[in-house]
Amino acid sequence: MDEEKENEVVSEEETHEEEIHEEVEEIEEDREDEEIKIDSNDDFSENKFGNDSNKELIKKLGFFMIIIVAVACVLGVFMWIMSLFKTTTYDYEDVEQIMKEAAQSYFSDHKKSLPKGKQIVEISDSVLVKNEYMDPLTEYLGEDSKCSGKVTVKKVDSKYIYTPYLNCGSDYSTTELYKVLKKKTVTSGAGLYRVNDNYIYRGEKLSNYVKINKHLWRIVKMNANNEIMLILSDNYMVGSSWDDRYNIDKDYNAGINDYRASRIKEYLNKVYKSNDEYYRLLTSNDRAKLTTFDVCVGKRAIGSNVKDNSEECSDIFSNQKMGILTVSDYLYASLDEHCNTTIDAACQNYNYLNNGDEWLTATAVNSNSYEIFFVDSNGQVDYDEAIKAVAFRPVIMLNNSVMIKSGKGTRKKPYKLK
């Protein structure tokens, strides 16, 4: 009995100890939960602090952006206001173009006033302003400018050529190419010589390059009308015959040395008109700067000592748009004192026309019907049957109203035309 009570007491004590132990575990679990909550709250505080910092930074950036936009708007408005008071400025070439276009509009409305034949019609800037085709020159060049202008109109072939002239005294003046060239004449050494009413280039190292389209030309001479003859600086094509027709005197196709009926004349006409990208030398704008001229096609003797074209020009082929050079033109370009007759080897010396290649001349041998003169690769004039395949160098003539745009006439800085 006592033993049973004792067991019950022990059992109750064990039960009580288990209950206490469970309570202690619950208390410890509650404490861990509380620590977890505290840690969680600490994280939340840190995140909350970070978000507040970002918001503050965003506010500052937004403030700066507003300032930048405001400044940009103020500057924009200021520049717009200033533009209302700013006068648009033009350079002299712009004004020349304005006058040209104004004249074109005027004559489009007044066709009866256009030139007829070789007549040259002139219209002043004041007339164009009065008829409201353009503003006064001071509107383009400033109130202090003292300029006057005019536009000349002439008919070349079937086209009307409009040439503007602007005169602003010492500041600027539209200038024709021939006037620039005439200021550089010489009496000795290489340069431009005055020969009666003509001007002729002689010597080796000359500043007589002109660039037209993509090609370089050399100035040969100017005539009494101030028209300027140019020759292509390099050969145009290789293997062209002066003529390839059957010759009765030779009884085979040796060619006939009559320039008017020659293959070279026919070919030059095709070259002049060609718009083919490979063959084209001149654009329509380039052709508008040219004028027709006389090609001297008289024959000469192999031993002739004439260098003034009197023999070649005894027979004229008129109104040509493209030709080739005469023997006299080649001989006279040399400054060598031993260059006297047609085939003298010395004529290759001090001669800018000697380009190191063979090329045809317009001159034929006067003692037969089949031989022509050409310049050989050494620069000496030689002769052979017209059938001989030789390159050629086209010759053209600039009209006297062609204006210079820029350049010094050198190979690197050739004259360029407006």
Protein backbone atom coordinates (compact mmCIF):
# COMPACT_ATOMS: atom_id res chain seq x y z
CA MET A 1 0.00 0.00 0.00
CA ASP A 2 2.71 2.33 1.03
CA GLU A 3 4.61 1.25 -1.96
CA GLU A 4 1.73 2.14 -4.27
CA LYS A 5 1.38 5.64 -2.74
CA GLU A 6 5.06 6.13 -3.09
CA ASN A 7 4.82 5.23 -6.78
CA GLU A 8 1.92 7.65 -7.26
CA VAL A 9 3.90 10.48 -5.67
CA VAL A 10 6.85 9.74 -7.92
CA SER A 11 4.59 9.67 -10.94
CA GLU A 12 3.01 12.99 -10.01
CA GLU A 13 6.44 14.55 -9.53
CA GLU A 14 7.58 13.32 -12.97
CA THR A 15 4.40 14.65 -14.54
CA HIS A 16 4.93 18.00 -12.82
CA GLU A 17 8.56 18.11 -14.06
CA GLU A 18 7.41 17.41 -17.65
CA GLU A 19 4.86 20.21 -17.45
CA ILE A 20 7.54 22.61 -16.18
CA HIS A 21 9.88 21.49 -18.94
CA GLU A 22 7.18 22.09 -21.60
CA GLU A 23 6.47 25.53 -20.18
CA VAL A 24 10.20 26.40 -20.35
CA GLU A 25 10.32 25.28 -24.00
CA GLU A 26 7.27 27.40 -24.80
CA ILE A 27 8.86 30.40 -23.11
CA GLU A 28 12.09 29.88 -25.14
CA GLU A 29 10.10 29.52 -28.39
CA ASP A 30 8.18 32.74 -27.59
CA ARG A 31 11.50 34.51 -26.97
CA GLU A 32 12.92 33.31 -30.36
CA ASP A 33 9.75 34.47 -32.08
CA GLU A 34 10.10 37.84 -30.42
CA GLU A 35 13.73 38.08 -31.57
CA ILE A 36 12.67 37.20 -35.08
CA LYS A 37 10.05 39.97 -34.98
CA ILE A 38 12.61 42.40 -33.69
CA ASP A 39 15.06 41.45 -36.48
CA SER A 40 12.28 41.76 -39.02
CA ASN A 41 11.41 45.21 -37.72
CA ASP A 42 15.06 46.20 -37.92
CA ASP A 43 15.17 45.17 -41.61
CA PHE A 44 12.02 47.11 -42.27
CA SER A 45 13.58 50.18 -40.66
CA GLU A 46 16.65 49.87 -42.85
CA ASN A 47 14.55 49.45 -46.04
CA LYS A 48 12.40 52.35 -45.08
CA PHE A 49 15.48 54.52 -44.59
CA GLY A 50 16.83 53.46 -48.04
CA ASN A 51 13.56 54.31 -49.82
CA ASP A 52 13.50 57.74 -48.23
CA SER A 53 17.06 58.42 -49.51
CA ASN A 54 16.11 57.41 -53.08
CA LYS A 55 13.07 59.62 -53.02
CA GLU A 56 15.19 62.55 -51.90
CA LEU A 57 17.71 61.92 -54.71
CA ILE A 58 14.93 61.71 -57.31
CA LYS A 59 13.52 64.98 -56.05
CA LYS A 60 16.91 66.68 -56.47
CA LEU A 61 17.41 65.28 -59.97
CA GLY A 62 13.94 66.39 -60.97
CA PHE A 63 14.67 69.88 -59.68
CA PHE A 64 17.86 70.09 -61.74
CA MET A 65 16.04 68.82 -64.85
CA ILE A 66 13.41 71.51 -64.46
CA ILE A 67 16.17 74.14 -64.26
CA ILE A 68 17.90 72.78 -67.40
CA VAL A 69 14.65 72.71 -69.41
CA ALA A 70 13.80 76.22 -68.26
CA VAL A 71 17.23 77.55 -69.30
CA ALA A 72 16.95 75.82 -72.69
CA CYS A 73 13.54 77.37 -73.26
CA VAL A 74 14.82 80.83 -72.36
CA LEU A 75 17.79 80.46 -74.73
CA GLY A 76 15.50 79.22 -77.51
CA VAL A 77 13.20 82.19 -77.14
CA PHE A 78 16.20 84.55 -77.05
CA MET A 79 17.69 83.10 -80.23
CA TRP A 80 14.32 83.29 -81.98
CA ILE A 81 13.96 86.95 -81.02
CA MET A 82 17.50 87.66 -82.24
CA SER A 83 16.79 85.93 -85.55
CA LEU A 84 13.98 88.39 -86.17
CA PHE A 85 16.53 91.21 -86.20
CA LYS A 86 19.33 89.34 -88.01
CA THR A 87 19.86 90.10 -91.71
CA THR A 88 20.64 87.11 -93.96
CA THR A 89 24.02 87.58 -95.61
CA TYR A 90 25.02 86.44 -99.08
CA ASP A 91 28.39 86.15 -100.71
CA TYR A 92 29.08 87.80 -104.07
CA GLU A 93 28.55 84.62 -106.08
CA ASP A 94 25.15 84.14 -104.42
CA VAL A 95 24.15 87.63 -105.52
CA GLU A 96 25.37 86.97 -109.07
CA GLN A 97 23.18 83.88 -109.15
CA ILE A 98 20.21 85.88 -107.82
CA MET A 99 20.67 88.46 -110.60
CA LYS A 100 20.96 85.74 -113.22
CA GLU A 101 17.77 84.00 -112.08
CA ALA A 102 15.96 87.35 -111.87
CA ALA A 103 16.98 88.13 -115.47
CA GLN A 104 15.82 84.71 -116.63
CA SER A 105 12.44 85.32 -115.01
CA TYR A 106 12.23 88.80 -116.53
CA PHE A 107 12.92 87.62 -120.08
CA SER A 108 10.61 84.67 -119.62
CA ASP A 109 7.87 87.28 -119.17
CA HIS A 110 9.29 89.60 -121.87
CA LYS A 111 10.32 87.23 -124.67
CA LYS A 112 10.22 89.94 -127.32
CA SER A 113 13.14 91.66 -125.59
CA LEU A 114 15.46 88.67 -126.03
CA PRO A 115 18.48 89.14 -128.35
CA LYS A 116 18.29 88.29 -132.01
CA GLY A 117 21.22 87.03 -134.05
CA LYS A 118 24.54 88.19 -132.60
CA GLN A 119 22.89 90.99 -130.63
CA ILE A 120 23.73 91.28 -126.91
CA VAL A 121 20.96 92.55 -124.59
CA GLU A 122 21.76 94.07 -121.21
CA ILE A 123 19.50 94.57 -118.20
CA SER A 124 20.51 96.43 -115.01
CA ASP A 125 19.83 95.45 -111.41
CA SER A 126 17.73 98.61 -110.99
CA VAL A 127 15.34 97.49 -113.74
CA LEU A 128 15.04 94.05 -112.16
CA VAL A 129 14.34 95.65 -108.78
CA LYS A 130 11.83 98.11 -110.22
CA ASN A 131 9.92 95.27 -111.85
CA GLU A 132 10.04 93.27 -108.59
CA TYR A 133 12.14 90.37 -109.88
CA MET A 134 14.66 90.83 -107.07
CA ASP A 135 15.34 92.98 -103.99
CA PRO A 136 17.84 95.86 -103.96
CA LEU A 137 21.47 94.75 -103.73
CA THR A 138 21.75 96.30 -100.26
CA GLU A 139 19.25 93.73 -98.99
CA TYR A 140 21.74 90.98 -99.86
CA LEU A 141 25.06 92.68 -99.22
CA GLY A 142 24.25 95.13 -96.43
CA GLU A 143 23.30 98.78 -96.23
CA ASP A 144 26.92 99.92 -96.44
CA SER A 145 27.62 98.08 -99.69
CA LYS A 146 28.12 100.18 -102.81
CA CYS A 147 27.53 97.73 -105.60
CA SER A 148 25.88 97.81 -109.00
CA GLY A 149 24.95 94.95 -111.25
CA LYS A 150 23.76 93.94 -114.66
CA VAL A 151 23.06 90.81 -116.69
CA THR A 152 23.92 90.40 -120.36
CA VAL A 153 22.05 88.00 -122.61
CA LYS A 154 23.25 86.62 -125.92
CA LYS A 155 22.23 83.74 -128.13
CA VAL A 156 24.70 80.90 -128.72
CA ASP A 157 23.38 78.29 -131.14
CA SER A 158 19.82 77.76 -129.94
CA LYS A 159 20.40 78.76 -126.31
CA TYR A 160 20.39 82.08 -124.48
CA ILE A 161 23.41 82.71 -122.29
CA TYR A 162 22.87 84.85 -119.18
CA THR A 163 26.00 86.42 -117.70
CA PRO A 164 25.73 88.40 -114.43
CA TYR A 165 28.16 91.21 -113.65
CA LEU A 166 28.56 92.55 -110.12
CA ASN A 167 30.72 95.59 -109.46
CA CYS A 168 31.54 96.43 -105.84
CA GLY A 169 34.62 98.54 -106.48
CA SER A 170 37.81 97.34 -104.82
CA ASP A 171 35.89 94.79 -102.73
CA TYR A 172 34.75 92.62 -105.63
CA SER A 173 34.17 92.68 -109.36
CA THR A 174 32.96 89.93 -111.67
CA THR A 175 35.84 89.27 -114.05
CA GLU A 176 36.09 87.59 -117.43
CA LEU A 177 38.85 85.03 -117.85
CA TYR A 178 40.43 86.89 -120.76
CA LYS A 179 40.94 90.01 -118.60
CA VAL A 180 42.81 87.98 -116.01
CA LEU A 181 45.03 86.43 -118.68
CA LYS A 182 45.88 89.73 -120.35
CA LYS A 183 47.36 91.05 -117.12
CA LYS A 184 50.06 88.38 -117.31
CA THR A 185 51.67 89.02 -120.69
CA VAL A 186 55.44 88.67 -121.18
CA THR A 187 58.02 89.73 -123.74
CA SER A 188 60.58 87.01 -123.03
CA GLY A 189 60.70 83.55 -121.50
CA ALA A 190 57.70 81.27 -121.04
CA GLY A 191 54.33 82.99 -120.92
CA LEU A 192 51.61 84.78 -122.85
CA TYR A 193 52.85 86.85 -125.80
CA ARG A 194 50.94 89.54 -127.57
CA VAL A 195 51.20 89.02 -131.33
CA ASN A 196 49.34 91.76 -133.21
CA ASP A 197 45.75 91.49 -131.94
CA ASN A 198 46.20 87.93 -130.67
CA TYR A 199 47.67 86.53 -127.47
CA ILE A 200 49.62 83.26 -127.72
CA TYR A 201 51.17 81.02 -125.07
CA ARG A 202 54.76 79.95 -125.66
CA GLY A 203 57.29 77.94 -123.66
CA GLU A 204 57.32 74.87 -121.48
CA LYS A 205 56.30 75.62 -117.89
CA LEU A 206 53.11 77.65 -118.12
CA SER A 207 50.18 78.43 -115.86
CA ASN A 208 47.57 77.97 -118.58
CA TYR A 209 45.49 75.07 -117.24
CA VAL A 210 41.69 75.22 -117.26
CA LYS A 211 39.45 72.59 -115.71
CA ILE A 212 36.15 71.89 -117.46
CA ASN A 213 33.96 69.12 -116.16
CA LYS A 214 36.47 66.43 -115.10
CA HIS A 215 39.13 67.24 -117.68
CA LEU A 216 42.15 69.52 -117.85
CA TRP A 217 42.69 71.75 -120.87
CA ARG A 218 45.52 74.10 -121.87
CA ILE A 219 44.99 77.63 -123.16
CA VAL A 220 46.58 77.97 -126.61
CA LYS A 221 45.70 81.56 -127.54
CA MET A 222 43.11 84.34 -127.60
CA ASN A 223 41.90 86.07 -130.73
CA ALA A 224 41.01 89.72 -131.33
CA ASN A 225 37.48 89.08 -130.01
CA ASN A 226 38.88 87.79 -126.71
CA GLU A 227 37.71 84.26 -127.47
CA ILE A 228 39.98 81.66 -125.90
CA MET A 229 41.21 78.52 -127.67
CA LEU A 230 41.77 75.44 -125.50
CA ILE A 231 43.35 72.09 -126.29
CA LEU A 232 42.79 68.95 -124.20
CA SER A 233 45.82 68.49 -121.96
CA ASP A 234 46.09 64.76 -122.60
CA ASN A 235 45.13 62.60 -125.57
CA TYR A 236 41.48 61.76 -125.94
CA MET A 237 41.63 58.37 -127.66
CA VAL A 238 44.28 56.05 -129.05
CA GLY A 239 44.15 54.52 -132.51
CA SER A 240 42.07 57.04 -134.47
CA SER A 241 42.74 57.46 -138.18
CA TRP A 242 42.74 60.91 -139.76
CA ASP A 243 40.99 59.19 -142.66
CA ASP A 244 40.62 55.60 -143.85
CA ARG A 245 39.09 55.92 -147.30
CA TYR A 246 40.32 54.29 -150.47
CA ASN A 247 42.86 56.54 -152.22
CA ILE A 248 43.00 56.25 -156.01
CA ASP A 249 46.60 57.49 -156.12
CA LYS A 250 47.76 54.68 -153.82
CA ASP A 251 45.20 52.12 -154.99
CA TYR A 252 44.36 51.09 -151.42
CA ASN A 253 42.84 52.58 -148.27
CA ALA A 254 45.63 55.01 -147.47
CA GLY A 255 43.06 57.70 -146.66
CA ILE A 256 42.36 61.06 -148.33
CA ASN A 257 43.91 64.17 -146.75
CA ASP A 258 40.92 66.48 -147.22
CA TYR A 259 39.92 67.67 -143.72
CA ARG A 260 36.37 68.63 -144.69
CA ALA A 261 35.62 65.06 -145.77
CA SER A 262 37.83 63.33 -143.19
CA ARG A 263 36.90 60.75 -140.60
CA ILE A 264 38.53 62.85 -137.90
CA LYS A 265 36.14 65.73 -138.60
CA GLU A 266 33.18 63.37 -138.33
CA TYR A 267 34.52 61.89 -135.13
CA LEU A 268 35.05 65.31 -133.53
CA ASN A 269 31.41 66.18 -134.18
CA LYS A 270 30.37 63.01 -132.33
CA VAL A 271 32.72 63.75 -129.44
CA TYR A 272 31.33 67.26 -129.09
CA LYS A 273 27.74 66.03 -128.86
CA SER A 274 28.39 62.86 -126.85
CA ASN A 275 26.64 62.41 -123.53
CA ASP A 276 28.01 58.91 -123.05
CA GLU A 277 29.74 58.70 -119.66
CA TYR A 278 32.84 57.09 -121.16
CA TYR A 279 33.27 59.38 -124.17
CA ARG A 280 31.82 62.63 -122.87
CA LEU A 281 34.14 65.63 -122.62
CA LEU A 282 31.54 68.36 -122.20
CA THR A 283 28.22 68.73 -120.42
CA SER A 284 25.40 70.90 -121.75
CA ASN A 285 26.50 73.63 -119.30
CA ASP A 286 30.07 73.39 -120.62
CA ARG A 287 28.89 73.69 -124.23
CA ALA A 288 26.98 76.84 -123.28
CA LYS A 289 30.36 78.49 -122.52
CA LEU A 290 31.70 77.82 -126.01
CA THR A 291 31.49 79.55 -129.35
CA THR A 292 32.04 78.33 -132.89
CA PHE A 293 35.35 79.05 -134.60
CA ASP A 294 37.27 78.63 -137.85
CA VAL A 295 39.52 75.60 -138.27
CA CYS A 296 42.48 76.33 -140.56
CA VAL A 297 42.71 73.37 -142.95
CA GLY A 298 45.18 74.59 -145.58
CA LYS A 299 47.99 72.19 -146.51
CA ARG A 300 51.70 72.92 -146.06
CA ALA A 301 55.05 71.66 -147.35
CA ILE A 302 57.25 69.28 -145.40
CA GLY A 303 60.13 71.77 -145.48
CA SER A 304 58.06 74.90 -144.86
CA ASN A 305 59.44 77.41 -142.36
CA VAL A 306 56.12 79.25 -141.85
CA LYS A 307 54.88 79.35 -138.23
CA ASP A 308 52.18 82.05 -138.35
CA ASN A 309 49.33 79.93 -139.77
CA SER A 310 49.34 81.88 -143.04
CA GLU A 311 49.54 78.63 -145.00
CA GLU A 312 47.05 76.68 -142.91
CA CYS A 313 44.57 79.56 -142.72
CA SER A 314 44.60 80.03 -146.48
CA ASP A 315 41.74 77.52 -146.36
CA ILE A 316 39.12 78.03 -143.63
CA PHE A 317 36.54 75.53 -142.42
CA SER A 318 34.10 77.89 -140.67
CA ASN A 319 31.70 77.62 -137.73
CA GLN A 320 33.15 74.52 -136.12
CA LYS A 321 32.41 73.56 -132.52
CA MET A 322 35.43 71.30 -132.09
CA GLY A 323 38.63 70.86 -134.07
CA ILE A 324 42.33 69.97 -133.76
CA LEU A 325 45.47 72.09 -133.78
CA THR A 326 47.49 73.15 -136.84
CA VAL A 327 51.20 72.49 -137.36
CA SER A 328 51.94 76.25 -137.08
CA ASP A 329 50.27 76.37 -133.66
CA TYR A 330 52.56 73.61 -132.46
CA LEU A 331 55.75 75.05 -133.92
CA TYR A 332 55.15 78.57 -132.61
CA ALA A 333 54.60 77.30 -129.05
CA SER A 334 58.30 76.27 -128.90
CA LEU A 335 60.86 78.80 -127.68
CA ASP A 336 63.79 76.91 -129.15
CA GLU A 337 65.60 79.16 -131.64
CA HIS A 338 66.41 76.13 -133.79
CA CYS A 339 62.73 75.33 -134.35
CA ASN A 340 62.36 76.68 -137.88
CA THR A 341 60.83 74.20 -140.29
CA THR A 342 57.97 71.74 -140.09
CA ILE A 343 59.95 68.67 -139.05
CA ASP A 344 62.80 70.23 -137.04
CA ALA A 345 63.49 68.06 -134.00
CA ALA A 346 64.22 71.17 -131.91
CA CYS A 347 60.54 72.11 -131.97
CA GLN A 348 59.91 69.57 -129.22
CA ASN A 349 61.99 71.69 -126.83
CA TYR A 350 60.52 74.34 -124.47
CA ASN A 351 57.08 73.47 -125.78
CA TYR A 352 54.14 72.88 -123.40
CA LEU A 353 52.21 71.16 -126.21
CA ASN A 354 54.70 68.29 -126.17
CA ASN A 355 52.90 65.83 -123.88
CA GLY A 356 55.02 62.77 -124.70
CA ASP A 357 52.36 61.10 -126.86
CA GLU A 358 51.50 60.91 -130.55
CA TRP A 359 48.58 63.02 -131.70
CA LEU A 360 47.07 64.31 -134.93
CA THR A 361 47.11 67.83 -136.36
CA ALA A 362 44.57 69.34 -138.74
CA THR A 363 47.28 69.95 -141.36
CA ALA A 364 47.91 67.80 -144.43
CA VAL A 365 50.95 67.50 -146.70
CA ASN A 366 50.50 69.68 -149.80
CA SER A 367 52.44 67.47 -152.21
CA ASN A 368 50.04 64.52 -152.31
CA SER A 369 46.48 63.41 -151.51
CA TYR A 370 47.12 60.92 -148.71
CA GLU A 371 49.66 62.20 -146.14
CA ILE A 372 49.02 64.22 -143.00
CA PHE A 373 51.15 65.69 -140.20
CA PHE A 374 51.15 64.43 -136.62
CA VAL A 375 53.27 64.97 -133.50
CA ASP A 376 55.26 61.86 -132.55
CA SER A 377 56.00 60.58 -129.03
CA ASN A 378 59.23 62.60 -128.88
CA GLY A 379 57.37 65.82 -129.64
CA GLN A 380 58.64 66.17 -133.22
CA VAL A 381 56.29 66.85 -136.13
CA ASP A 382 56.24 63.91 -138.55
CA TYR A 383 54.06 62.82 -141.46
CA ASP A 384 52.47 59.59 -142.65
CA GLU A 385 49.49 58.24 -144.54
CA ALA A 386 46.13 59.41 -143.21
CA ILE A 387 45.19 55.81 -142.40
CA LYS A 388 47.84 55.71 -139.63
CA ALA A 389 46.20 55.12 -136.25
CA VAL A 390 47.11 58.06 -133.99
CA ALA A 391 45.41 59.64 -130.97
CA PHE A 392 44.06 63.20 -131.06
CA ARG A 393 43.54 66.18 -128.78
CA PRO A 394 40.29 68.11 -129.31
CA VAL A 395 40.33 71.92 -129.53
CA ILE A 396 37.43 74.15 -128.41
CA MET A 397 36.83 77.92 -128.15
CA LEU A 398 35.51 79.67 -125.02
CA ASN A 399 33.27 82.67 -125.63
CA ASN A 400 34.50 86.04 -124.38
CA SER A 401 31.94 86.34 -121.58
CA VAL A 402 33.21 83.33 -119.62
CA MET A 403 33.90 84.32 -116.02
CA ILE A 404 36.66 83.03 -113.79
CA LYS A 405 35.56 81.43 -110.53
CA SER A 406 38.89 80.45 -108.99
CA GLY A 407 42.34 79.05 -109.64
CA LYS A 408 45.82 80.17 -110.62
CA GLY A 409 46.21 78.33 -113.91
CA THR A 410 48.57 75.69 -112.52
CA ARG A 411 48.02 71.97 -112.91
CA LYS A 412 47.18 71.64 -109.20
CA LYS A 413 45.10 74.82 -109.14
CA PRO A 414 43.70 75.24 -112.65
CA TYR A 415 41.35 78.04 -113.63
CA LYS A 416 37.76 77.11 -112.93
CA LEU A 417 34.86 78.80 -114.67
CA LYS A 418 31.51 80.04 -113.40
